[in-house]
PDB file of N, CA and C in Angstrom:
ATOM      1  N   MET A   1     119.309  95.050 101.293  1.00  0.00           N
ATOM      2  CA  MET A   1     119.391  95.016 102.690  1.00  0.00           C
ATOM      3  C   MET A   1     118.865  93.750 103.340  1.00  0.00           C
ATOM      4  N   ALA A   2     119.903  93.795 104.586  1.00  0.00           N
ATOM      5  CA  ALA A   2     119.180  92.591 104.993  1.00  0.00           C
ATOM      6  C   ALA A   2     118.569  92.659 105.991  1.00  0.00           C
ATOM      7  N   SER A   3     117.834  91.774 107.062  1.00  0.00           N
ATOM      8  CA  SER A   3     116.764  91.981 107.772  1.00  0.00           C
ATOM      9  C   SER A   3     116.554  90.688 108.982  1.00  0.00           C
ATOM     10  N   HIS A   4     115.966  90.605 110.142  1.00  0.00           N
ATOM     11  CA  HIS A   4     116.191  90.278 111.105  1.00  0.00           C
ATOM     12  C   HIS A   4     114.648  89.746 111.744  1.00  0.00           C
ATOM     13  N   GLN A   5     114.703  89.128 111.979  1.00  0.00           N
ATOM     14  CA  GLN A   5     113.203  88.529 112.874  1.00  0.00           C
ATOM     15  C   GLN A   5     113.655  88.871 114.191  1.00  0.00           C
ATOM     16  N   ILE A   6     112.974  89.701 115.119  1.00  0.00           N
ATOM     17  CA  ILE A   6     113.117  89.593 116.366  1.00  0.00           C
ATOM     18  C   ILE A   6     111.601  89.484 117.095  1.00  0.00           C
ATOM     19  N   SER A   7     111.802  89.168 118.230  1.00  0.00           N
ATOM     20  CA  SER A   7     111.075  88.996 119.166  1.00  0.00           C
ATOM     21  C   SER A   7     110.367  89.921 120.375  1.00  0.00           C
ATOM     22  N   ILE A   8     109.538  90.556 120.356  1.00  0.00           N
ATOM     23  CA  ILE A   8     109.500  91.374 121.680  1.00  0.00           C
ATOM     24  C   ILE A   8     107.865  90.886 122.520  1.00  0.00           C
ATOM     25  N   ARG A   9     107.880  91.156 123.635  1.00  0.00           N
ATOM     26  CA  ARG A   9     107.066  91.215 124.355  1.00  0.00           C
ATOM     27  C   ARG A   9     105.640  92.074 124.077  1.00  0.00           C
ATOM     28  N   ASN A  10     104.606  91.563 123.886  1.00  0.00           N
ATOM     29  CA  ASN A  10     103.184  92.086 123.262  1.00  0.00           C
ATOM     30  C   ASN A  10     102.900  93.782 124.201  1.00  0.00           C
ATOM     31  N   ASP A  11     103.447  93.628 125.271  1.00  0.00           N
ATOM     32  CA  ASP A  11     103.430  95.277 125.664  1.00  0.00           C
ATOM     33  C   ASP A  11     104.138  96.322 125.431  1.00  0.00           C
ATOM     34  N   VAL A  12     105.253  95.934 124.964  1.00  0.00           N
ATOM     35  CA  VAL A  12     106.500  96.525 124.463  1.00  0.00           C
ATOM     36  C   VAL A  12     105.914  96.736 123.330  1.00  0.00           C
ATOM     37  N   TYR A  13     105.369  96.070 122.412  1.00  0.00           N
ATOM     38  CA  TYR A  13     104.964  96.190 120.793  1.00  0.00           C
ATOM     39  C   TYR A  13     103.436  96.766 121.046  1.00  0.00           C
ATOM     40  N   GLN A  14     102.735  97.001 121.828  1.00  0.00           N
ATOM     41  CA  GLN A  14     101.680  97.962 122.085  1.00  0.00           C
ATOM     42  C   GLN A  14     102.123  99.669 122.277  1.00  0.00           C
ATOM     43  N   LYS A  15     103.136  99.985 123.271  1.00  0.00           N
ATOM     44  CA  LYS A  15     103.807 100.524 122.886  1.00  0.00           C
ATOM     45  C   LYS A  15     104.251 101.520 121.956  1.00  0.00           C
ATOM     46  N   LEU A  16     105.025 100.410 121.100  1.00  0.00           N
ATOM     47  CA  LEU A  16     106.014 100.635 120.012  1.00  0.00           C
ATOM     48  C   LEU A  16     105.156 101.502 118.765  1.00  0.00           C
ATOM     49  N   LYS A  17     103.755 100.560 119.002  1.00  0.00           N
ATOM     50  CA  LYS A  17     102.737 101.013 117.806  1.00  0.00           C
ATOM     51  C   LYS A  17     102.249 102.184 118.358  1.00  0.00           C
ATOM     52  N   LYS A  18     101.963 102.778 119.534  1.00  0.00           N
ATOM     53  CA  LYS A  18     101.637 103.342 120.233  1.00  0.00           C
ATOM     54  C   LYS A  18     102.108 104.962 119.492  1.00  0.00           C
ATOM     55  N   ILE A  19     103.593 104.976 119.530  1.00  0.00           N
ATOM     56  CA  ILE A  19     104.380 105.881 119.043  1.00  0.00           C
ATOM     57  C   ILE A  19     104.810 106.278 117.827  1.00  0.00           C
ATOM     58  N   LYS A  20     104.891 104.757 116.987  1.00  0.00           N
ATOM     59  CA  LYS A  20     105.142 104.769 115.803  1.00  0.00           C
ATOM     60  C   LYS A  20     104.081 105.861 114.887  1.00  0.00           C
ATOM     61  N   GLN A  21     105.003 106.798 113.981  1.00  0.00           N
ATOM     62  CA  GLN A  21     104.339 107.780 113.294  1.00  0.00           C
ATOM     63  C   GLN A  21     103.721 107.109 111.837  1.00  0.00           C
ATOM     64  N   GLU A  22     102.881 107.952 111.414  1.00  0.00           N
ATOM     65  CA  GLU A  22     102.019 106.945 110.150  1.00  0.00           C
ATOM     66  C   GLU A  22     103.248 106.811 109.030  1.00  0.00           C
ATOM     67  N   ASN A  23     103.962 107.362 108.671  1.00  0.00           N
ATOM     68  CA  ASN A  23     104.730 107.198 107.726  1.00  0.00           C
ATOM     69  C   ASN A  23     106.008 106.459 107.894  1.00  0.00           C
ATOM     70  N   GLU A  24     106.279 105.583 108.969  1.00  0.00           N
ATOM     71  CA  GLU A  24     107.228 104.915 109.344  1.00  0.00           C
ATOM     72  C   GLU A  24     107.154 103.434 109.275  1.00  0.00           C
ATOM     73  N   SER A  25     108.277 102.868 109.158  1.00  0.00           N
ATOM     74  CA  SER A  25     107.933 101.449 109.439  1.00  0.00           C
ATOM     75  C   SER A  25     108.663 101.187 111.140  1.00  0.00           C
ATOM     76  N   TYR A  26     108.153  99.955 111.316  1.00  0.00           N
ATOM     77  CA  TYR A  26     108.718  99.970 113.078  1.00  0.00           C
ATOM     78  C   TYR A  26     110.424 100.059 113.036  1.00  0.00           C
ATOM     79  N   SER A  27     111.025  99.728 111.864  1.00  0.00           N
ATOM     80  CA  SER A  27     112.444  99.831 111.844  1.00  0.00           C
ATOM     81  C   SER A  27     112.646 101.553 111.970  1.00  0.00           C
ATOM     82  N   ASP A  28     112.353 101.718 111.158  1.00  0.00           N
ATOM     83  CA  ASP A  28     111.912 103.322 111.386  1.00  0.00           C
ATOM     84  C   ASP A  28     112.189 104.017 112.566  1.00  0.00           C
ATOM     85  N   THR A  29     110.986 103.805 113.397  1.00  0.00           N
ATOM     86  CA  THR A  29     110.339 104.145 114.441  1.00  0.00           C
ATOM     87  C   THR A  29     112.024 103.653 115.724  1.00  0.00           C
ATOM     88  N   ILE A  30     112.232 102.521 115.349  1.00  0.00           N
ATOM     89  CA  ILE A  30     113.230 102.449 116.784  1.00  0.00           C
ATOM     90  C   ILE A  30     114.495 102.829 116.212  1.00  0.00           C
ATOM     91  N   GLU A  31     114.707 103.184 115.076  1.00  0.00           N
ATOM     92  CA  GLU A  31     116.116 104.040 114.787  1.00  0.00           C
ATOM     93  C   GLU A  31     115.689 105.182 115.303  1.00  0.00           C
ATOM     94  N   ARG A  32     114.582 105.654 115.377  1.00  0.00           N
ATOM     95  CA  ARG A  32     114.240 107.544 115.650  1.00  0.00           C
ATOM     96  C   ARG A  32     114.312 107.425 117.314  1.00  0.00           C
ATOM     97  N   LEU A  33     114.399 106.389 117.982  1.00  0.00           N
ATOM     98  CA  LEU A  33     114.156 106.678 119.226  1.00  0.00           C
ATOM     99  C   LEU A  33     115.205 106.341 119.604  1.00  0.00           C
ATOM    100  N   LEU A  34     116.484 105.690 118.970  1.00  0.00           N
ATOM    101  CA  LEU A  34     117.957 105.369 119.341  1.00  0.00           C
ATOM    102  C   LEU A  34     118.618 106.891 118.847  1.00  0.00           C
ATOM    103  N   SER A  35     118.402 107.175 117.655  1.00  0.00           N
ATOM    104  CA  SER A  35     118.931 108.683 117.685  1.00  0.00           C
ATOM    105  C   SER A  35     118.931 109.929 118.553  1.00  0.00           C
ATOM    106  N   ASN A  36     119.798 110.845 118.151  1.00  0.00           N
ATOM    107  CA  ASN A  36     119.619 111.955 118.927  1.00  0.00           C
ATOM    108  C   ASN A  36     118.108 112.793 118.563  1.00  0.00           C
ATOM    109  N   LYS A  37     117.420 112.087 117.350  1.00  0.00           N
ATOM    110  CA  LYS A  37     116.207 112.620 117.139  1.00  0.00           C
ATOM    111  C   LYS A  37     115.112 112.109 117.495  1.00  0.00           C
ATOM    112  N   GLY A  38     115.446 111.314 118.777  1.00  0.00           N
ATOM    113  CA  GLY A  38     114.624 110.758 119.367  1.00  0.00           C
ATOM    114  C   GLY A  38     113.617 111.326 120.028  1.00  0.00           C
ATOM    115  N   ASN A  39     112.434 111.831 120.304  1.00  0.00           N
ATOM    116  CA  ASN A  39     111.823 112.593 121.292  1.00  0.00           C
ATOM    117  C   ASN A  39     111.500 112.091 122.735  1.00  0.00           C
ATOM    118  N   VAL A  40     112.056 112.668 123.762  1.00  0.00           N
ATOM    119  CA  VAL A  40     111.754 112.332 124.943  1.00  0.00           C
ATOM    120  C   VAL A  40     110.406 111.791 125.341  1.00  0.00           C
ATOM    121  N   GLU A  41     109.293 112.852 124.969  1.00  0.00           N
ATOM    122  CA  GLU A  41     107.727 112.105 125.429  1.00  0.00           C
ATOM    123  C   GLU A  41     107.659 110.801 124.994  1.00  0.00           C
ATOM    124  N   ASP A  42     108.365 110.548 123.365  1.00  0.00           N
ATOM    125  CA  ASP A  42     107.709 109.082 122.842  1.00  0.00           C
ATOM    126  C   ASP A  42     108.897 108.242 123.829  1.00  0.00           C
ATOM    127  N   LEU A  43     110.035 108.514 124.135  1.00  0.00           N
ATOM    128  CA  LEU A  43     110.689 107.504 125.133  1.00  0.00           C
ATOM    129  C   LEU A  43     109.976 107.039 126.539  1.00  0.00           C
ATOM    130  N   LYS A  44     109.540 108.546 126.972  1.00  0.00           N
ATOM    131  CA  LYS A  44     108.742 108.239 128.425  1.00  0.00           C
ATOM    132  C   LYS A  44     107.587 107.176 128.050  1.00  0.00           C
ATOM    133  N   GLU A  45     106.732 107.364 126.961  1.00  0.00           N
ATOM    134  CA  GLU A  45     105.571 107.091 126.716  1.00  0.00           C
ATOM    135  C   GLU A  45     105.934 105.666 126.318  1.00  0.00           C
ATOM    136  N   LEU A  46     106.953 105.185 126.106  1.00  0.00           N
ATOM    137  CA  LEU A  46     107.673 103.545 125.537  1.00  0.00           C
ATOM    138  C   LEU A  46     108.000 102.904 127.058  1.00  0.00           C
ATOM    139  N   TYR A  47     108.567 103.770 127.908  1.00  0.00           N
ATOM    140  CA  TYR A  47     108.695 103.536 129.075  1.00  0.00           C
ATOM    141  C   TYR A  47     107.373 103.587 130.254  1.00  0.00           C
ATOM    142  N   GLY A  48     106.350 104.181 129.996  1.00  0.00           N
ATOM    143  CA  GLY A  48     105.453 104.229 130.349  1.00  0.00           C
ATOM    144  C   GLY A  48     105.413 105.052 132.038  1.00  0.00           C
ATOM    145  N   ILE A  49     106.430 105.944 131.552  1.00  0.00           N
ATOM    146  CA  ILE A  49     106.864 107.078 132.746  1.00  0.00           C
ATOM    147  C   ILE A  49     105.783 108.387 132.670  1.00  0.00           C
ATOM    148  N   SER A  50     105.507 109.065 133.726  1.00  0.00           N
ATOM    149  CA  SER A  50     104.859 110.263 134.084  1.00  0.00           C
ATOM    150  C   SER A  50     104.856 110.731 135.397  1.00  0.00           C
ATOM    151  N   GLY A  51     104.389 111.769 135.485  1.00  0.00           N
ATOM    152  CA  GLY A  51     104.181 111.997 137.132  1.00  0.00           C
ATOM    153  C   GLY A  51     105.671 112.414 137.994  1.00  0.00           C
ATOM    154  N   GLU A  52     105.533 111.636 138.545  1.00  0.00           N
ATOM    155  CA  GLU A  52     106.639 111.176 139.866  1.00  0.00           C
ATOM    156  C   GLU A  52     107.901 110.899 139.408  1.00  0.00           C
ATOM    157  N   ASP A  53     107.457 109.796 138.349  1.00  0.00           N
ATOM    158  CA  ASP A  53     108.664 108.599 137.784  1.00  0.00           C
ATOM    159  C   ASP A  53     109.475 109.698 136.872  1.00  0.00           C
ATOM    160  N   GLU A  54     108.873 110.993 136.021  1.00  0.00           N
ATOM    161  CA  GLU A  54     110.031 111.988 135.534  1.00  0.00           C
ATOM    162  C   GLU A  54     111.004 112.515 136.086  1.00  0.00           C
ATOM    163  N   LEU A  55     111.096 112.885 136.991  1.00  0.00           N
ATOM    164  CA  LEU A  55     112.531 113.492 137.639  1.00  0.00           C
ATOM    165  C   LEU A  55     113.506 112.224 137.942  1.00  0.00           C
ATOM    166  N   GLY A  56     113.064 110.790 138.166  1.00  0.00           N
ATOM    167  CA  GLY A  56     114.064 109.795 137.813  1.00  0.00           C
ATOM    168  C   GLY A  56     114.247 109.477 136.582  1.00  0.00           C
ATOM    169  N   PHE A  57     113.483 109.701 135.720  1.00  0.00           N
ATOM    170  CA  PHE A  57     113.752 109.155 134.263  1.00  0.00           C
ATOM    171  C   PHE A  57     114.873 110.270 133.778  1.00  0.00           C
ATOM    172  N   GLN A  58     114.279 111.596 133.709  1.00  0.00           N
ATOM    173  CA  GLN A  58     115.148 112.721 133.464  1.00  0.00           C
ATOM    174  C   GLN A  58     116.768 112.648 134.240  1.00  0.00           C
ATOM    175  N   TYR A  59     116.794 111.803 135.587  1.00  0.00           N
ATOM    176  CA  TYR A  59     118.447 111.796 136.085  1.00  0.00           C
ATOM    177  C   TYR A  59     118.958 110.457 135.389  1.00  0.00           C
ATOM    178  N   ILE A  60     118.252 109.323 135.011  1.00  0.00           N
ATOM    179  CA  ILE A  60     118.925 108.678 133.638  1.00  0.00           C
ATOM    180  C   ILE A  60     119.282 108.915 132.645  1.00  0.00           C
ATOM    181  N   LEU A  61     118.401 109.443 132.568  1.00  0.00           N
ATOM    182  CA  LEU A  61     119.066 110.003 130.635  1.00  0.00           C
ATOM    183  C   LEU A  61     119.741 110.792 130.594  1.00  0.00           C
ATOM    184  N   ASN A  62     120.079 111.939 131.723  1.00  0.00           N
ATOM    185  CA  ASN A  62     121.020 112.557 131.912  1.00  0.00           C
ATOM    186  C   ASN A  62     122.478 112.126 132.291  1.00  0.00           C
ATOM    187  N   SER A  63     122.576 111.212 133.418  1.00  0.00           N
ATOM    188  CA  SER A  63     123.753 110.080 133.751  1.00  0.00           C
ATOM    189  C   SER A  63     123.721 109.173 132.284  1.00  0.00           C
ATOM    190  N   SER A  64     123.217 108.841 131.758  1.00  0.00           N
ATOM    191  CA  SER A  64     123.645 107.901 130.499  1.00  0.00           C
ATOM    192  C   SER A  64     124.410 108.767 129.229  1.00  0.00           C
ATOM    193  N   ARG A  65     123.690 110.141 129.525  1.00  0.00           N
ATOM    194  CA  ARG A  65     124.220 111.009 128.126  1.00  0.00           C
ATOM    195  C   ARG A  65     125.868 110.731 128.745  1.00  0.00           C
ATOM    196  N   LYS A  66     126.063 111.477 129.552  1.00  0.00           N
ATOM    197  CA  LYS A  66     127.460 111.876 130.386  1.00  0.00           C
ATOM    198  C   LYS A  66     128.252 110.425 130.398  1.00  0.00           C
ATOM    199  N   GLU A  67     127.835 109.442 130.823  1.00  0.00           N
ATOM    200  CA  GLU A  67     128.744 108.289 130.520  1.00  0.00           C
ATOM    201  C   GLU A  67     128.865 107.901 129.216  1.00  0.00           C
ATOM    202  N   ILE A  68     127.924 108.319 128.096  1.00  0.00           N
ATOM    203  CA  ILE A  68     128.512 108.181 126.476  1.00  0.00           C
ATOM    204  C   ILE A  68     129.224 108.781 126.308  1.00  0.00           C
ATOM    205  N   GLN A  69     129.306 110.042 126.840  1.00  0.00           N
ATOM    206  CA  GLN A  69     130.265 111.207 126.028  1.00  0.00           C
ATOM    207  C   GLN A  69     131.799 111.045 126.844  1.00  0.00           C
ATOM    208  N   LYS A  70     131.728 110.446 127.851  1.00  0.00           N
ATOM    209  CA  LYS A  70     132.781 110.299 128.468  1.00  0.00           C
ATOM    210  C   LYS A  70     133.428 109.179 128.014  1.00  0.00           C
ATOM    211  N   ALA A  71     132.767 108.312 127.904  1.00  0.00           N
ATOM    212  CA  ALA A  71     133.445 106.931 126.905  1.00  0.00           C
ATOM    213  C   ALA A  71     133.807 107.089 125.502  1.00  0.00           C
ATOM    214  N   LEU A  72     133.085 107.914 124.969  1.00  0.00           N
ATOM    215  CA  LEU A  72     133.449 108.429 123.458  1.00  0.00           C
ATOM    216  C   LEU A  72     134.412 109.722 123.633  1.00  0.00           C
ATOM    217  N   GLU A  73     134.971 110.346 124.414  1.00  0.00           N
ATOM    218  CA  GLU A  73     135.797 110.994 124.742  1.00  0.00           C
ATOM    219  C   GLU A  73     137.521 110.149 124.827  1.00  0.00           C
ATOM    220  N   THR A  74     137.229 109.311 125.837  1.00  0.00           N
ATOM    221  CA  THR A  74     138.139 108.265 126.161  1.00  0.00           C
ATOM    222  C   THR A  74     138.706 107.428 125.115  1.00  0.00           C
ATOM    223  N   ARG A  75     137.495 106.774 124.223  1.00  0.00           N
ATOM    224  CA  ARG A  75     138.160 106.215 123.155  1.00  0.00           C
ATOM    225  C   ARG A  75     138.595 106.999 122.096  1.00  0.00           C
ATOM    226  N   PHE A  76     137.848 108.023 121.455  1.00  0.00           N
ATOM    227  CA  PHE A  76     138.367 108.758 120.573  1.00  0.00           C
ATOM    228  C   PHE A  76     138.616 110.440 120.867  1.00  0.00           C
ATOM    229  N   PRO A  77     139.928 110.557 121.596  1.00  0.00           N
ATOM    230  CA  PRO A  77     140.254 111.639 121.934  1.00  0.00           C
ATOM    231  C   PRO A  77     140.160 112.962 120.591  1.00  0.00           C
ATOM    232  N   LEU A  78     140.074 114.317 121.025  1.00  0.00           N
ATOM    233  CA  LEU A  78     140.098 115.429 120.152  1.00  0.00           C
ATOM    234  C   LEU A  78     141.586 115.690 119.950  1.00  0.00           C
ATOM    235  N   ASN A  79     142.390 115.542 120.911  1.00  0.00           N
ATOM    236  CA  ASN A  79     143.702 115.874 120.744  1.00  0.00           C
ATOM    237  C   ASN A  79     144.484 115.316 119.977  1.00  0.00           C
TER     238      ASN A  79
END
């Protein structure tokens, strides 16, 4: 399997490290966050969202899901 070296800011690394599960590699953690298995609480932790920001986060998350769904339906029609 090929691998790539990437650079991330230290603050992002610290957040990622905090939500990484004991049995995961960083690649596994990122993959989990990007997949449907990603926990919303982990995403909020990664973005530092809490309290008042949560409503805005939920709006953005729902809007993004709708946009992705619409794009998929357009690109891959079921009919």
